[in-house]
């Protein structure tokens, strides 16, 4: 079930140019007050610890808190590391788009996977 959900999530992210907009709409429809700060978690998957350390340093310079770095192994035996970059963010389109684009550009720069973002409803 988790594998199917991950595939669907990846498919939607990669095939929906307005993923951020759809997520903001879903938050609003769930009753979230988008004018209030939300604790946003940006998800990263990394295969090389050196790249991980460089990415984390750049995220800290940009005022992100870093979650615990965890490790796991894909079913094919490939190990990986994963963590979240966390920041309190007002959920306006311009801010969310800027943050998403920053994360995507850092993923390219450090050759890691940016797996999107998440947050909770804030009333």
PDB file of N, CA and C in Angstrom:
ATOM      1  N   UNK A   1       0.816  -1.198   0.000  1.00  0.00           N
ATOM      2  CA  UNK A   1       0.000   0.000   0.000  1.00  0.00           C
ATOM      3  C   UNK A   1       0.857   1.258   0.000  1.00  0.00           C
ATOM      4  N   UNK A   2       1.910   1.311   0.813  1.00  0.00           N
ATOM      5  CA  UNK A   2       2.786   2.479   0.879  1.00  0.00           C
ATOM      6  C   UNK A   2       3.467   2.698  -0.466  1.00  0.00           C
ATOM      7  N   UNK A   3       3.912   1.622  -1.109  1.00  0.00           N
ATOM      8  CA  UNK A   3       4.572   1.741  -2.401  1.00  0.00           C
ATOM      9  C   UNK A   3       3.617   2.330  -3.427  1.00  0.00           C
ATOM     10  N   UNK A   4       2.373   1.882  -3.440  1.00  0.00           N
ATOM     11  CA  UNK A   4       1.376   2.401  -4.379  1.00  0.00           C
ATOM     12  C   UNK A   4       1.134   3.878  -4.104  1.00  0.00           C
ATOM     13  N   UNK A   5       0.980   4.265  -2.834  1.00  0.00           N
ATOM     14  CA  UNK A   5       0.763   5.657  -2.494  1.00  0.00           C
ATOM     15  C   UNK A   5       1.953   6.502  -2.943  1.00  0.00           C
ATOM     16  N   UNK A   6       3.174   6.023  -2.703  1.00  0.00           N
ATOM     17  CA  UNK A   6       4.370   6.758  -3.112  1.00  0.00           C
ATOM     18  C   UNK A   6       4.395   6.951  -4.619  1.00  0.00           C
ATOM     19  N   UNK A   7       4.031   5.902  -5.363  1.00  0.00           N
ATOM     20  CA  UNK A   7       4.006   6.003  -6.812  1.00  0.00           C
ATOM     21  C   UNK A   7       2.979   7.039  -7.249  1.00  0.00           C
ATOM     22  N   UNK A   8       1.786   6.987  -6.677  1.00  0.00           N
ATOM     23  CA  UNK A   8       0.731   7.927  -7.045  1.00  0.00           C
ATOM     24  C   UNK A   8       1.157   9.350  -6.702  1.00  0.00           C
ATOM     25  N   UNK A   9       1.725   9.538  -5.512  1.00  0.00           N
ATOM     26  CA  UNK A   9       2.181  10.859  -5.101  1.00  0.00           C
ATOM     27  C   UNK A   9       3.230  11.384  -6.067  1.00  0.00           C
ATOM     28  N   UNK A  10       4.217  10.543  -6.423  1.00  0.00           N
ATOM     29  CA  UNK A  10       5.249  10.959  -7.364  1.00  0.00           C
ATOM     30  C   UNK A  10       4.658  11.279  -8.725  1.00  0.00           C
ATOM     31  N   UNK A  11       3.728  10.445  -9.185  1.00  0.00           N
ATOM     32  CA  UNK A  11       3.090  10.663 -10.488  1.00  0.00           C
ATOM     33  C   UNK A  11       2.357  12.001 -10.502  1.00  0.00           C
ATOM     34  N   UNK A  12       1.609  12.272  -9.457  1.00  0.00           N
ATOM     35  CA  UNK A  12       0.846  13.522  -9.388  1.00  0.00           C
ATOM     36  C   UNK A  12       1.794  14.713  -9.366  1.00  0.00           C
ATOM     37  N   UNK A  13       2.832  14.650  -8.544  1.00  0.00           N
ATOM     38  CA  UNK A  13       3.784  15.757  -8.451  1.00  0.00           C
ATOM     39  C   UNK A  13       4.435  16.043  -9.786  1.00  0.00           C
ATOM     40  N   UNK A  14       4.884  14.988 -10.472  1.00  0.00           N
ATOM     41  CA  UNK A  14       5.624  15.165 -11.715  1.00  0.00           C
ATOM     42  C   UNK A  14       4.712  15.513 -12.883  1.00  0.00           C
ATOM     43  N   UNK A  15       3.441  15.192 -12.807  1.00  0.00           N
ATOM     44  CA  UNK A  15       2.537  15.400 -13.928  1.00  0.00           C
ATOM     45  C   UNK A  15       1.507  16.488 -13.675  1.00  0.00           C
ATOM     46  N   UNK A  16       1.651  17.211 -12.590  1.00  0.00           N
ATOM     47  CA  UNK A  16       0.738  18.294 -12.270  1.00  0.00           C
ATOM     48  C   UNK A  16       1.550  19.564 -12.053  1.00  0.00           C
ATOM     49  N   UNK A  17       1.559  20.449 -13.059  1.00  0.00           N
ATOM     50  CA  UNK A  17       2.390  21.641 -12.937  1.00  0.00           C
ATOM     51  C   UNK A  17       1.987  22.555 -11.787  1.00  0.00           C
ATOM     52  N   UNK A  18       0.742  22.478 -11.335  1.00  0.00           N
ATOM     53  CA  UNK A  18       0.286  23.357 -10.260  1.00  0.00           C
ATOM     54  C   UNK A  18       0.077  22.585  -8.956  1.00  0.00           C
ATOM     55  N   UNK A  19       0.985  21.673  -8.646  1.00  0.00           N
ATOM     56  CA  UNK A  19       0.898  20.886  -7.413  1.00  0.00           C
ATOM     57  C   UNK A  19       0.786  21.794  -6.189  1.00  0.00           C
ATOM     58  N   UNK A  20       1.603  22.864  -6.140  1.00  0.00           N
ATOM     59  CA  UNK A  20       1.549  23.784  -5.001  1.00  0.00           C
ATOM     60  C   UNK A  20       0.172  24.431  -4.891  1.00  0.00           C
ATOM     61  N   UNK A  21      -0.357  24.866  -6.016  1.00  0.00           N
ATOM     62  CA  UNK A  21      -1.671  25.513  -6.015  1.00  0.00           C
ATOM     63  C   UNK A  21      -2.772  24.553  -5.565  1.00  0.00           C
ATOM     64  N   UNK A  22      -2.716  23.317  -6.034  1.00  0.00           N
ATOM     65  CA  UNK A  22      -3.710  22.327  -5.624  1.00  0.00           C
ATOM     66  C   UNK A  22      -3.617  22.034  -4.127  1.00  0.00           C
ATOM     67  N   UNK A  23      -2.400  22.001  -3.607  1.00  0.00           N
ATOM     68  CA  UNK A  23      -2.213  21.747  -2.178  1.00  0.00           C
ATOM     69  C   UNK A  23      -2.729  22.921  -1.357  1.00  0.00           C
ATOM     70  N   UNK A  24      -2.437  24.141  -1.803  1.00  0.00           N
ATOM     71  CA  UNK A  24      -2.972  25.316  -1.103  1.00  0.00           C
ATOM     72  C   UNK A  24      -4.497  25.308  -1.112  1.00  0.00           C
ATOM     73  N   UNK A  25      -5.087  24.948  -2.232  1.00  0.00           N
ATOM     74  CA  UNK A  25      -6.542  24.876  -2.334  1.00  0.00           C
ATOM     75  C   UNK A  25      -7.095  23.828  -1.366  1.00  0.00           C
ATOM     76  N   UNK A  26      -6.439  22.666  -1.295  1.00  0.00           N
ATOM     77  CA  UNK A  26      -6.878  21.604  -0.390  1.00  0.00           C
ATOM     78  C   UNK A  26      -6.782  22.060   1.069  1.00  0.00           C
ATOM     79  N   UNK A  27      -5.704  22.762   1.419  1.00  0.00           N
ATOM     80  CA  UNK A  27      -5.568  23.289   2.782  1.00  0.00           C
ATOM     81  C   UNK A  27      -6.711  24.257   3.094  1.00  0.00           C
ATOM     82  N   UNK A  28      -6.976  25.169   2.160  1.00  0.00           N
ATOM     83  CA  UNK A  28      -8.059  26.141   2.353  1.00  0.00           C
ATOM     84  C   UNK A  28      -9.402  25.434   2.527  1.00  0.00           C
ATOM     85  N   UNK A  29      -9.670  24.454   1.669  1.00  0.00           N
ATOM     86  CA  UNK A  29     -10.933  23.721   1.745  1.00  0.00           C
ATOM     87  C   UNK A  29     -11.061  22.916   3.033  1.00  0.00           C
ATOM     88  N   UNK A  30      -9.921  22.543   3.622  1.00  0.00           N
ATOM     89  CA  UNK A  30      -9.937  21.802   4.885  1.00  0.00           C
ATOM     90  C   UNK A  30     -10.091  22.738   6.082  1.00  0.00           C
ATOM     91  N   UNK A  31     -10.165  24.049   5.807  1.00  0.00           N
ATOM     92  CA  UNK A  31     -10.390  25.001   6.889  1.00  0.00           C
ATOM     93  C   UNK A  31      -9.139  25.680   7.406  1.00  0.00           C
ATOM     94  N   UNK A  32      -8.023  25.502   6.725  1.00  0.00           N
ATOM     95  CA  UNK A  32      -6.785  26.128   7.176  1.00  0.00           C
ATOM     96  C   UNK A  32      -6.814  27.629   6.894  1.00  0.00           C
ATOM     97  N   UNK A  33      -6.312  28.410   7.853  1.00  0.00           N
ATOM     98  CA  UNK A  33      -6.197  29.861   7.685  1.00  0.00           C
ATOM     99  C   UNK A  33      -4.842  30.137   7.049  1.00  0.00           C
ATOM    100  N   UNK A  34      -4.827  30.365   5.737  1.00  0.00           N
ATOM    101  CA  UNK A  34      -3.578  30.504   4.998  1.00  0.00           C
ATOM    102  C   UNK A  34      -2.812  31.775   5.335  1.00  0.00           C
ATOM    103  N   UNK A  35      -3.445  32.705   6.051  1.00  0.00           N
ATOM    104  CA  UNK A  35      -2.746  33.924   6.452  1.00  0.00           C
ATOM    105  C   UNK A  35      -1.902  33.708   7.711  1.00  0.00           C
ATOM    106  N   UNK A  36      -2.097  32.580   8.365  1.00  0.00           N
ATOM    107  CA  UNK A  36      -1.321  32.252   9.566  1.00  0.00           C
ATOM    108  C   UNK A  36      -0.102  31.408   9.186  1.00  0.00           C
ATOM    109  N   UNK A  37       0.973  31.511   9.969  1.00  0.00           N
ATOM    110  CA  UNK A  37       2.155  30.686   9.692  1.00  0.00           C
ATOM    111  C   UNK A  37       1.833  29.194   9.839  1.00  0.00           C
ATOM    112  N   UNK A  38       2.353  28.410   8.924  1.00  0.00           N
ATOM    113  CA  UNK A  38       2.241  26.951   8.935  1.00  0.00           C
ATOM    114  C   UNK A  38       3.649  26.379   9.012  1.00  0.00           C
ATOM    115  N   UNK A  39       3.829  25.339   9.776  1.00  0.00           N
ATOM    116  CA  UNK A  39       5.118  24.664   9.836  1.00  0.00           C
ATOM    117  C   UNK A  39       5.205  23.728   8.621  1.00  0.00           C
ATOM    118  N   UNK A  40       6.006  24.111   7.634  1.00  0.00           N
ATOM    119  CA  UNK A  40       6.110  23.377   6.376  1.00  0.00           C
ATOM    120  C   UNK A  40       7.344  22.478   6.418  1.00  0.00           C
ATOM    121  N   UNK A  41       7.129  21.224   6.039  1.00  0.00           N
ATOM    122  CA  UNK A  41       8.217  20.246   5.975  1.00  0.00           C
ATOM    123  C   UNK A  41       8.503  19.930   4.511  1.00  0.00           C
ATOM    124  N   UNK A  42       9.721  20.227   4.074  1.00  0.00           N
ATOM    125  CA  UNK A  42      10.170  19.903   2.724  1.00  0.00           C
ATOM    126  C   UNK A  42      10.954  18.599   2.815  1.00  0.00           C
ATOM    127  N   UNK A  43      10.558  17.606   2.022  1.00  0.00           N
ATOM    128  CA  UNK A  43      11.109  16.251   2.136  1.00  0.00           C
ATOM    129  C   UNK A  43      12.221  16.005   1.114  1.00  0.00           C
ATOM    130  N   UNK A  44      13.353  15.482   1.607  1.00  0.00           N
ATOM    131  CA  UNK A  44      14.498  15.174   0.742  1.00  0.00           C
ATOM    132  C   UNK A  44      14.928  13.722   0.921  1.00  0.00           C
ATOM    133  N   UNK A  45      15.392  13.129  -0.181  1.00  0.00           N
ATOM    134  CA  UNK A  45      15.988  11.790  -0.185  1.00  0.00           C
ATOM    135  C   UNK A  45      17.397  11.942  -0.759  1.00  0.00           C
ATOM    136  N   UNK A  46      18.379  11.360  -0.062  1.00  0.00           N
ATOM    137  CA  UNK A  46      19.785  11.551  -0.419  1.00  0.00           C
ATOM    138  C   UNK A  46      20.500  10.206  -0.420  1.00  0.00           C
ATOM    139  N   UNK A  47      21.414  10.026  -1.376  1.00  0.00           N
ATOM    140  CA  UNK A  47      22.145   8.760  -1.466  1.00  0.00           C
ATOM    141  C   UNK A  47      23.597   8.876  -1.035  1.00  0.00           C
ATOM    142  N   UNK A  48      24.101  10.084  -0.868  1.00  0.00           N
ATOM    143  CA  UNK A  48      25.521  10.304  -0.554  1.00  0.00           C
ATOM    144  C   UNK A  48      25.620  11.236   0.653  1.00  0.00           C
ATOM    145  N   UNK A  49      26.253  10.761   1.717  1.00  0.00           N
ATOM    146  CA  UNK A  49      26.327  11.545   2.956  1.00  0.00           C
ATOM    147  C   UNK A  49      27.025  12.884   2.756  1.00  0.00           C
ATOM    148  N   UNK A  50      28.037  12.946   1.882  1.00  0.00           N
ATOM    149  CA  UNK A  50      28.732  14.214   1.634  1.00  0.00           C
ATOM    150  C   UNK A  50      27.760  15.237   1.029  1.00  0.00           C
ATOM    151  N   UNK A  51      26.961  14.793   0.071  1.00  0.00           N
ATOM    152  CA  UNK A  51      25.961  15.682  -0.511  1.00  0.00           C
ATOM    153  C   UNK A  51      24.957  16.122   0.544  1.00  0.00           C
ATOM    154  N   UNK A  52      24.612  15.201   1.426  1.00  0.00           N
ATOM    155  CA  UNK A  52      23.681  15.488   2.514  1.00  0.00           C
ATOM    156  C   UNK A  52      24.211  16.632   3.374  1.00  0.00           C
ATOM    157  N   UNK A  53      25.455  16.539   3.793  1.00  0.00           N
ATOM    158  CA  UNK A  53      26.022  17.561   4.671  1.00  0.00           C
ATOM    159  C   UNK A  53      26.065  18.928   3.999  1.00  0.00           C
ATOM    160  N   UNK A  54      26.428  18.965   2.719  1.00  0.00           N
ATOM    161  CA  UNK A  54      26.468  20.244   1.992  1.00  0.00           C
ATOM    162  C   UNK A  54      25.071  20.840   1.852  1.00  0.00           C
ATOM    163  N   UNK A  55      24.100  20.014   1.531  1.00  0.00           N
ATOM    164  CA  UNK A  55      22.720  20.473   1.402  1.00  0.00           C
ATOM    165  C   UNK A  55      22.201  21.009   2.733  1.00  0.00           C
ATOM    166  N   UNK A  56      22.446  20.282   3.789  1.00  0.00           N
ATOM    167  CA  UNK A  56      21.984  20.721   5.116  1.00  0.00           C
ATOM    168  C   UNK A  56      22.588  22.067   5.486  1.00  0.00           C
ATOM    169  N   UNK A  57      23.863  22.265   5.201  1.00  0.00           N
ATOM    170  CA  UNK A  57      24.500  23.551   5.519  1.00  0.00           C
ATOM    171  C   UNK A  57      23.824  24.693   4.763  1.00  0.00           C
ATOM    172  N   UNK A  58      23.516  24.464   3.483  1.00  0.00           N
ATOM    173  CA  UNK A  58      22.854  25.514   2.706  1.00  0.00           C
ATOM    174  C   UNK A  58      21.437  25.772   3.213  1.00  0.00           C
ATOM    175  N   UNK A  59      20.730  24.727   3.588  1.00  0.00           N
ATOM    176  CA  UNK A  59      19.387  24.914   4.143  1.00  0.00           C
ATOM    177  C   UNK A  59      19.441  25.703   5.450  1.00  0.00           C
ATOM    178  N   UNK A  60      20.417  25.427   6.289  1.00  0.00           N
ATOM    179  CA  UNK A  60      20.553  26.165   7.555  1.00  0.00           C
ATOM    180  C   UNK A  60      20.842  27.640   7.298  1.00  0.00           C
ATOM    181  N   UNK A  61      21.643  27.938   6.285  1.00  0.00           N
ATOM    182  CA  UNK A  61      21.931  29.329   5.920  1.00  0.00           C
ATOM    183  C   UNK A  61      20.645  30.041   5.525  1.00  0.00           C
ATOM    184  N   UNK A  62      19.707  29.281   4.941  1.00  0.00           N
ATOM    185  CA  UNK A  62      18.411  29.833   4.532  1.00  0.00           C
ATOM    186  C   UNK A  62      17.352  29.718   5.634  1.00  0.00           C
ATOM    187  N   UNK A  63      17.797  29.514   6.867  1.00  0.00           N
ATOM    188  CA  UNK A  63      16.941  29.528   8.061  1.00  0.00           C
ATOM    189  C   UNK A  63      15.961  28.369   8.179  1.00  0.00           C
ATOM    190  N   UNK A  64      16.331  27.211   7.657  1.00  0.00           N
ATOM    191  CA  UNK A  64      15.523  26.010   7.837  1.00  0.00           C
ATOM    192  C   UNK A  64      16.053  25.208   9.006  1.00  0.00           C
ATOM    193  N   UNK A  65      15.128  24.652   9.789  1.00  0.00           N
ATOM    194  CA  UNK A  65      15.499  23.665  10.799  1.00  0.00           C
ATOM    195  C   UNK A  65      15.566  22.323  10.089  1.00  0.00           C
ATOM    196  N   UNK A  66      16.425  21.445  10.575  1.00  0.00           N
ATOM    197  CA  UNK A  66      16.611  20.144   9.942  1.00  0.00           C
ATOM    198  C   UNK A  66      16.121  19.064  10.896  1.00  0.00           C
ATOM    199  N   UNK A  67      15.275  18.180  10.379  1.00  0.00           N
ATOM    200  CA  UNK A  67      14.792  17.064  11.185  1.00  0.00           C
ATOM    201  C   UNK A  67      15.924  16.062  11.387  1.00  0.00           C
ATOM    202  N   UNK A  68      15.648  15.060  12.153  1.00  0.00           N
ATOM    203  CA  UNK A  68      16.595  13.959  12.292  1.00  0.00           C
ATOM    204  C   UNK A  68      16.781  13.312  10.918  1.00  0.00           C
ATOM    205  N   UNK A  69      18.030  13.003  10.588  1.00  0.00           N
ATOM    206  CA  UNK A  69      18.317  12.304   9.330  1.00  0.00           C
ATOM    207  C   UNK A  69      18.193  10.808   9.607  1.00  0.00           C
ATOM    208  N   UNK A  70      17.330  10.172   8.838  1.00  0.00           N
ATOM    209  CA  UNK A  70      17.095   8.738   9.014  1.00  0.00           C
ATOM    210  C   UNK A  70      17.616   7.987   7.797  1.00  0.00           C
ATOM    211  N   UNK A  71      17.866   6.703   7.971  1.00  0.00           N
ATOM    212  CA  UNK A  71      18.295   5.906   6.826  1.00  0.00           C
ATOM    213  C   UNK A  71      17.374   4.716   6.658  1.00  0.00           C
ATOM    214  N   UNK A  72      17.338   4.232   5.433  1.00  0.00           N
ATOM    215  CA  UNK A  72      16.497   3.095   5.083  1.00  0.00           C
ATOM    216  C   UNK A  72      17.098   2.449   3.851  1.00  0.00           C
ATOM    217  N   UNK A  73      16.475   1.396   3.399  1.00  0.00           N
ATOM    218  CA  UNK A  73      16.950   0.677   2.222  1.00  0.00           C
ATOM    219  C   UNK A  73      15.761   0.372   1.318  1.00  0.00           C
ATOM    220  N   UNK A  74      15.927   0.699   0.025  1.00  0.00           N
ATOM    221  CA  UNK A  74      14.900   0.334  -0.953  1.00  0.00           C
ATOM    222  C   UNK A  74      14.821  -1.179  -1.066  1.00  0.00           C
ATOM    223  N   UNK A  75      13.732  -1.666  -1.632  1.00  0.00           N
ATOM    224  CA  UNK A  75      13.553  -3.110  -1.790  1.00  0.00           C
ATOM    225  C   UNK A  75      14.627  -3.726  -2.694  1.00  0.00           C
ATOM    226  N   UNK A  76      15.252  -2.908  -3.541  1.00  0.00           N
ATOM    227  CA  UNK A  76      16.332  -3.412  -4.399  1.00  0.00           C
ATOM    228  C   UNK A  76      17.682  -3.448  -3.683  1.00  0.00           C
ATOM    229  N   UNK A  77      17.686  -3.076  -2.402  1.00  0.00           N
ATOM    230  CA  UNK A  77      18.912  -3.126  -1.602  1.00  0.00           C
ATOM    231  C   UNK A  77      19.684  -1.825  -1.537  1.00  0.00           C
ATOM    232  N   UNK A  78      19.278  -0.805  -2.280  1.00  0.00           N
ATOM    233  CA  UNK A  78      19.990   0.472  -2.278  1.00  0.00           C
ATOM    234  C   UNK A  78      19.667   1.267  -1.009  1.00  0.00           C
ATOM    235  N   UNK A  79      20.695   1.616  -0.237  1.00  0.00           N
ATOM    236  CA  UNK A  79      20.461   2.429   0.968  1.00  0.00           C
ATOM    237  C   UNK A  79      20.242   3.897   0.599  1.00  0.00           C
ATOM    238  N   UNK A  80      19.512   4.597   1.442  1.00  0.00           N
ATOM    239  CA  UNK A  80      19.310   6.025   1.245  1.00  0.00           C
ATOM    240  C   UNK A  80      19.089   6.694   2.597  1.00  0.00           C
ATOM    241  N   UNK A  81      19.236   8.006   2.603  1.00  0.00           N
ATOM    242  CA  UNK A  81      18.998   8.837   3.774  1.00  0.00           C
ATOM    243  C   UNK A  81      17.831   9.762   3.451  1.00  0.00           C
ATOM    244  N   UNK A  82      17.083  10.161   4.466  1.00  0.00           N
ATOM    245  CA  UNK A  82      15.999  11.099   4.231  1.00  0.00           C
ATOM    246  C   UNK A  82      15.817  11.995   5.448  1.00  0.00           C
ATOM    247  N   UNK A  83      15.310  13.198   5.171  1.00  0.00           N
ATOM    248  CA  UNK A  83      15.100  14.177   6.240  1.00  0.00           C
ATOM    249  C   UNK A  83      14.148  15.254   5.723  1.00  0.00           C
ATOM    250  N   UNK A  84      13.754  16.126   6.644  1.00  0.00           N
ATOM    251  CA  UNK A  84      12.909  17.266   6.305  1.00  0.00           C
ATOM    252  C   UNK A  84      13.632  18.565   6.636  1.00  0.00           C
ATOM    253  N   UNK A  85      13.428  19.557   5.772  1.00  0.00           N
ATOM    254  CA  UNK A  85      13.843  20.932   6.049  1.00  0.00           C
ATOM    255  C   UNK A  85      12.569  21.661   6.463  1.00  0.00           C
ATOM    256  N   UNK A  86      12.565  22.248   7.644  1.00  0.00           N
ATOM    257  CA  UNK A  86      11.334  22.747   8.259  1.00  0.00           C
ATOM    258  C   UNK A  86      11.425  24.261   8.474  1.00  0.00           C
ATOM    259  N   UNK A  87      10.322  24.943   8.121  1.00  0.00           N
ATOM    260  CA  UNK A  87      10.287  26.393   8.305  1.00  0.00           C
ATOM    261  C   UNK A  87       8.842  26.839   8.480  1.00  0.00           C
ATOM    262  N   UNK A  88       8.631  27.814   9.333  1.00  0.00           N
ATOM    263  CA  UNK A  88       7.319  28.418   9.506  1.00  0.00           C
ATOM    264  C   UNK A  88       7.095  29.368   8.334  1.00  0.00           C
ATOM    265  N   UNK A  89       5.974  29.164   7.636  1.00  0.00           N
ATOM    266  CA  UNK A  89       5.742  29.872   6.378  1.00  0.00           C
ATOM    267  C   UNK A  89       4.287  30.336   6.285  1.00  0.00           C
ATOM    268  N   UNK A  90       4.096  31.575   5.826  1.00  0.00           N
ATOM    269  CA  UNK A  90       2.762  32.045   5.465  1.00  0.00           C
ATOM    270  C   UNK A  90       2.431  31.392   4.129  1.00  0.00           C
ATOM    271  N   UNK A  91       1.228  30.882   3.991  1.00  0.00           N
ATOM    272  CA  UNK A  91       0.892  30.047   2.838  1.00  0.00           C
ATOM    273  C   UNK A  91       0.325  30.832   1.652  1.00  0.00           C
ATOM    274  N   UNK A  92       0.982  31.926   1.294  1.00  0.00           N
ATOM    275  CA  UNK A  92       0.572  32.657   0.091  1.00  0.00           C
ATOM    276  C   UNK A  92       1.177  31.959  -1.129  1.00  0.00           C
ATOM    277  N   UNK A  93       0.514  32.111  -2.271  1.00  0.00           N
ATOM    278  CA  UNK A  93       1.016  31.470  -3.493  1.00  0.00           C
ATOM    279  C   UNK A  93       2.461  31.875  -3.769  1.00  0.00           C
ATOM    280  N   UNK A  94       2.762  33.161  -3.682  1.00  0.00           N
ATOM    281  CA  UNK A  94       4.107  33.627  -4.036  1.00  0.00           C
ATOM    282  C   UNK A  94       5.171  33.041  -3.106  1.00  0.00           C
ATOM    283  N   UNK A  95       4.888  32.987  -1.825  1.00  0.00           N
ATOM    284  CA  UNK A  95       5.864  32.435  -0.876  1.00  0.00           C
ATOM    285  C   UNK A  95       6.022  30.934  -1.086  1.00  0.00           C
ATOM    286  N   UNK A  96       4.917  30.234  -1.233  1.00  0.00           N
ATOM    287  CA  UNK A  96       4.974  28.783  -1.423  1.00  0.00           C
ATOM    288  C   UNK A  96       5.704  28.448  -2.721  1.00  0.00           C
ATOM    289  N   UNK A  97       5.401  29.164  -3.805  1.00  0.00           N
ATOM    290  CA  UNK A  97       6.083  28.917  -5.079  1.00  0.00           C
ATOM    291  C   UNK A  97       7.584  29.177  -4.940  1.00  0.00           C
ATOM    292  N   UNK A  98       7.928  30.267  -4.265  1.00  0.00           N
ATOM    293  CA  UNK A  98       9.350  30.591  -4.067  1.00  0.00           C
ATOM    294  C   UNK A  98      10.056  29.473  -3.288  1.00  0.00           C
ATOM    295  N   UNK A  99       9.428  29.040  -2.196  1.00  0.00           N
ATOM    296  CA  UNK A  99      10.027  27.983  -1.373  1.00  0.00           C
ATOM    297  C   UNK A  99      10.169  26.676  -2.169  1.00  0.00           C
ATOM    298  N   UNK A 100       9.137  26.308  -2.901  1.00  0.00           N
ATOM    299  CA  UNK A 100       9.193  25.079  -3.709  1.00  0.00           C
ATOM    300  C   UNK A 100      10.288  25.162  -4.756  1.00  0.00           C
ATOM    301  N   UNK A 101      10.362  26.293  -5.434  1.00  0.00           N
ATOM    302  CA  UNK A 101      11.394  26.448  -6.457  1.00  0.00           C
ATOM    303  C   UNK A 101      12.795  26.426  -5.862  1.00  0.00           C
ATOM    304  N   UNK A 102      12.954  27.002  -4.676  1.00  0.00           N
ATOM    305  CA  UNK A 102      14.245  26.940  -3.998  1.00  0.00           C
ATOM    306  C   UNK A 102      14.624  25.488  -3.703  1.00  0.00           C
ATOM    307  N   UNK A 103      13.667  24.719  -3.170  1.00  0.00           N
ATOM    308  CA  UNK A 103      13.949  23.314  -2.846  1.00  0.00           C
ATOM    309  C   UNK A 103      14.283  22.509  -4.108  1.00  0.00           C
ATOM    310  N   UNK A 104      13.548  22.755  -5.178  1.00  0.00           N
ATOM    311  CA  UNK A 104      13.821  22.050  -6.438  1.00  0.00           C
ATOM    312  C   UNK A 104      15.203  22.399  -6.970  1.00  0.00           C
ATOM    313  N   UNK A 105      15.585  23.666  -6.882  1.00  0.00           N
ATOM    314  CA  UNK A 105      16.906  24.062  -7.378  1.00  0.00           C
ATOM    315  C   UNK A 105      18.017  23.487  -6.501  1.00  0.00           C
ATOM    316  N   UNK A 106      17.800  23.416  -5.193  1.00  0.00           N
ATOM    317  CA  UNK A 106      18.807  22.798  -4.319  1.00  0.00           C
ATOM    318  C   UNK A 106      18.933  21.300  -4.603  1.00  0.00           C
ATOM    319  N   UNK A 107      17.814  20.657  -4.905  1.00  0.00           N
ATOM    320  CA  UNK A 107      17.860  19.232  -5.239  1.00  0.00           C
ATOM    321  C   UNK A 107      18.700  19.003  -6.489  1.00  0.00           C
ATOM    322  N   UNK A 108      18.536  19.847  -7.475  1.00  0.00           N
ATOM    323  CA  UNK A 108      19.341  19.726  -8.700  1.00  0.00           C
ATOM    324  C   UNK A 108      20.809  20.017  -8.381  1.00  0.00           C
ATOM    325  N   UNK A 109      21.052  21.087  -7.647  1.00  0.00           N
ATOM    326  CA  UNK A 109      22.424  21.490  -7.318  1.00  0.00           C
ATOM    327  C   UNK A 109      23.182  20.380  -6.597  1.00  0.00           C
ATOM    328  N   UNK A 110      22.518  19.687  -5.668  1.00  0.00           N
ATOM    329  CA  UNK A 110      23.190  18.663  -4.853  1.00  0.00           C
ATOM    330  C   UNK A 110      22.909  17.233  -5.310  1.00  0.00           C
ATOM    331  N   UNK A 111      22.205  17.101  -6.437  1.00  0.00           N
ATOM    332  CA  UNK A 111      21.924  15.784  -7.002  1.00  0.00           C
ATOM    333  C   UNK A 111      21.225  14.871  -5.994  1.00  0.00           C
ATOM    334  N   UNK A 112      20.146  15.410  -5.408  1.00  0.00           N
ATOM    335  CA  UNK A 112      19.321  14.668  -4.453  1.00  0.00           C
ATOM    336  C   UNK A 112      17.879  14.728  -4.947  1.00  0.00           C
ATOM    337  N   UNK A 113      16.989  14.020  -4.286  1.00  0.00           N
ATOM    338  CA  UNK A 113      15.583  14.037  -4.673  1.00  0.00           C
ATOM    339  C   UNK A 113      14.791  14.914  -3.717  1.00  0.00           C
ATOM    340  N   UNK A 114      14.062  15.868  -4.278  1.00  0.00           N
ATOM    341  CA  UNK A 114      13.121  16.664  -3.501  1.00  0.00           C
ATOM    342  C   UNK A 114      11.767  15.983  -3.656  1.00  0.00           C
ATOM    343  N   UNK A 115      11.186  15.558  -2.542  1.00  0.00           N
ATOM    344  CA  UNK A 115       9.956  14.772  -2.574  1.00  0.00           C
ATOM    345  C   UNK A 115       8.734  15.595  -2.171  1.00  0.00           C
ATOM    346  N   UNK A 116       8.806  16.914  -2.375  1.00  0.00           N
ATOM    347  CA  UNK A 116       7.665  17.761  -2.091  1.00  0.00           C
ATOM    348  C   UNK A 116       7.600  18.246  -0.653  1.00  0.00           C
ATOM    349  N   UNK A 117       6.465  18.818  -0.320  1.00  0.00           N
ATOM    350  CA  UNK A 117       6.298  19.401   1.009  1.00  0.00           C
ATOM    351  C   UNK A 117       4.943  19.034   1.584  1.00  0.00           C
ATOM    352  N   UNK A 118       4.865  19.236   2.891  1.00  0.00           N
ATOM    353  CA  UNK A 118       3.627  18.968   3.592  1.00  0.00           C
ATOM    354  C   UNK A 118       3.492  19.891   4.784  1.00  0.00           C
ATOM    355  N   UNK A 119       2.280  20.043   5.251  1.00  0.00           N
ATOM    356  CA  UNK A 119       1.998  20.832   6.436  1.00  0.00           C
ATOM    357  C   UNK A 119       0.656  20.387   6.996  1.00  0.00           C
ATOM    358  N   UNK A 120       0.331  20.857   8.149  1.00  0.00           N
ATOM    359  CA  UNK A 120      -0.952  20.543   8.770  1.00  0.00           C
ATOM    360  C   UNK A 120      -1.901  21.732   8.614  1.00  0.00           C
ATOM    361  N   UNK A 121      -3.176  21.463   8.799  1.00  0.00           N
ATOM    362  CA  UNK A 121      -4.183  22.507   8.791  1.00  0.00           C
ATOM    363  C   UNK A 121      -3.983  23.365  10.035  1.00  0.00           C
ATOM    364  N   UNK A 122      -4.004  24.686   9.830  1.00  0.00           N
ATOM    365  CA  UNK A 122      -3.902  25.643  10.932  1.00  0.00           C
ATOM    366  C   UNK A 122      -5.179  26.472  10.921  1.00  0.00           C
ATOM    367  N   UNK A 123      -5.916  26.435  12.029  1.00  0.00           N
ATOM    368  CA  UNK A 123      -7.194  27.170  12.125  1.00  0.00           C
ATOM    369  C   UNK A 123      -6.961  28.596  12.564  1.00  0.00           C
TER     370      UNK A 123
END
